[in-house]
Amino acid sequence: MTDTTQRSLRALARLLDYPEAELQAAADELAAVFAAEPRLPKALREALVGWCRRLAATPLLDLQADYVALFDKGRATSLLLFEHVHGESRDRGQAMVDLLDEYQAAGFALDARELPDYLPLFLEYLSTRDEAEIGRWLGEIRHILARLAARLEEREAGHALVPLALLALIGAEGDVAEHREPVKQEPRDDTPAALDAVWEEEAVRFSAASDEDCALQSAEGRRLAERKRAAPAEAVRFVDAAPRVSAVSGEPS
């Protein structure tokens, strides 16, 4: 993998983040990054370029409303990686701690704005790693990416191109095929009835098993609250100890 792949990871992170005017302004730059990525099949490169152009041409409020409906209702399409592995179990807390340790060992400090397993943030981290580490990490989450891609395809969301592209970078885009049929059989968890059922079950979680659980709930609550206020998104969520890089080019800022 080359600097081109590292730029691709940063660009893919941008496409999965909450859409802001900055995303639309960078659409041509993002499209150029994907067009130059040799590890992506031609059809996938062209689809990503086309999606960037559609993002630039779509009213921002429509993009934001679609994003919230897709990623903030239900857990099936969550961009929190450990949600797909551990759910709300205490194992998720330990996994968070382990991932934070990885970030810190690499010299990064994490802003409290996002949880450490938030996929766009994780991709930003990977964009600073070498070929072996990028391949190792993408290999470890390939089953999550494949299922996420299938679910986003089922909902006819252009965002499915991102996990597909990540899998293609390690030659594993074929993984998605085995998930498409099972995903079709899954009950939707973003319907009003499904959301009401979850609310009734977990309306208030005052009985968190540990301070760690409370911290996770608090961090996720802050993230959603900030999104509802439509606060401008920062390109990089690593602070102080981290080298700052631009959204796409990777040059220090």
Foldseek 3Di string as FASTA:
>chain_A
DDLLVLLLLLLLLLVLDQDDVVLLVCLVVSLVSLCPDPLDPPVLSVLSNVVSVVVNVDPSVVSNVVSCLQAVFDDQQHQQLCCVPPNLDCVSLVVQVVLCVVQVVVQWAFALLARSRRNSQVSNVLSVDDPVVLLVVLVVSLLVLLSNLLLCVVVVHSSSSSSLVSCSNNPRSVSNVVNNVVSVVDDDCRDPVNRVVVCVVPVDPPPPPDVSSVSVVVSVVSNVVCSVVVDDDDSHRIDDRDFDADSRSRDGD
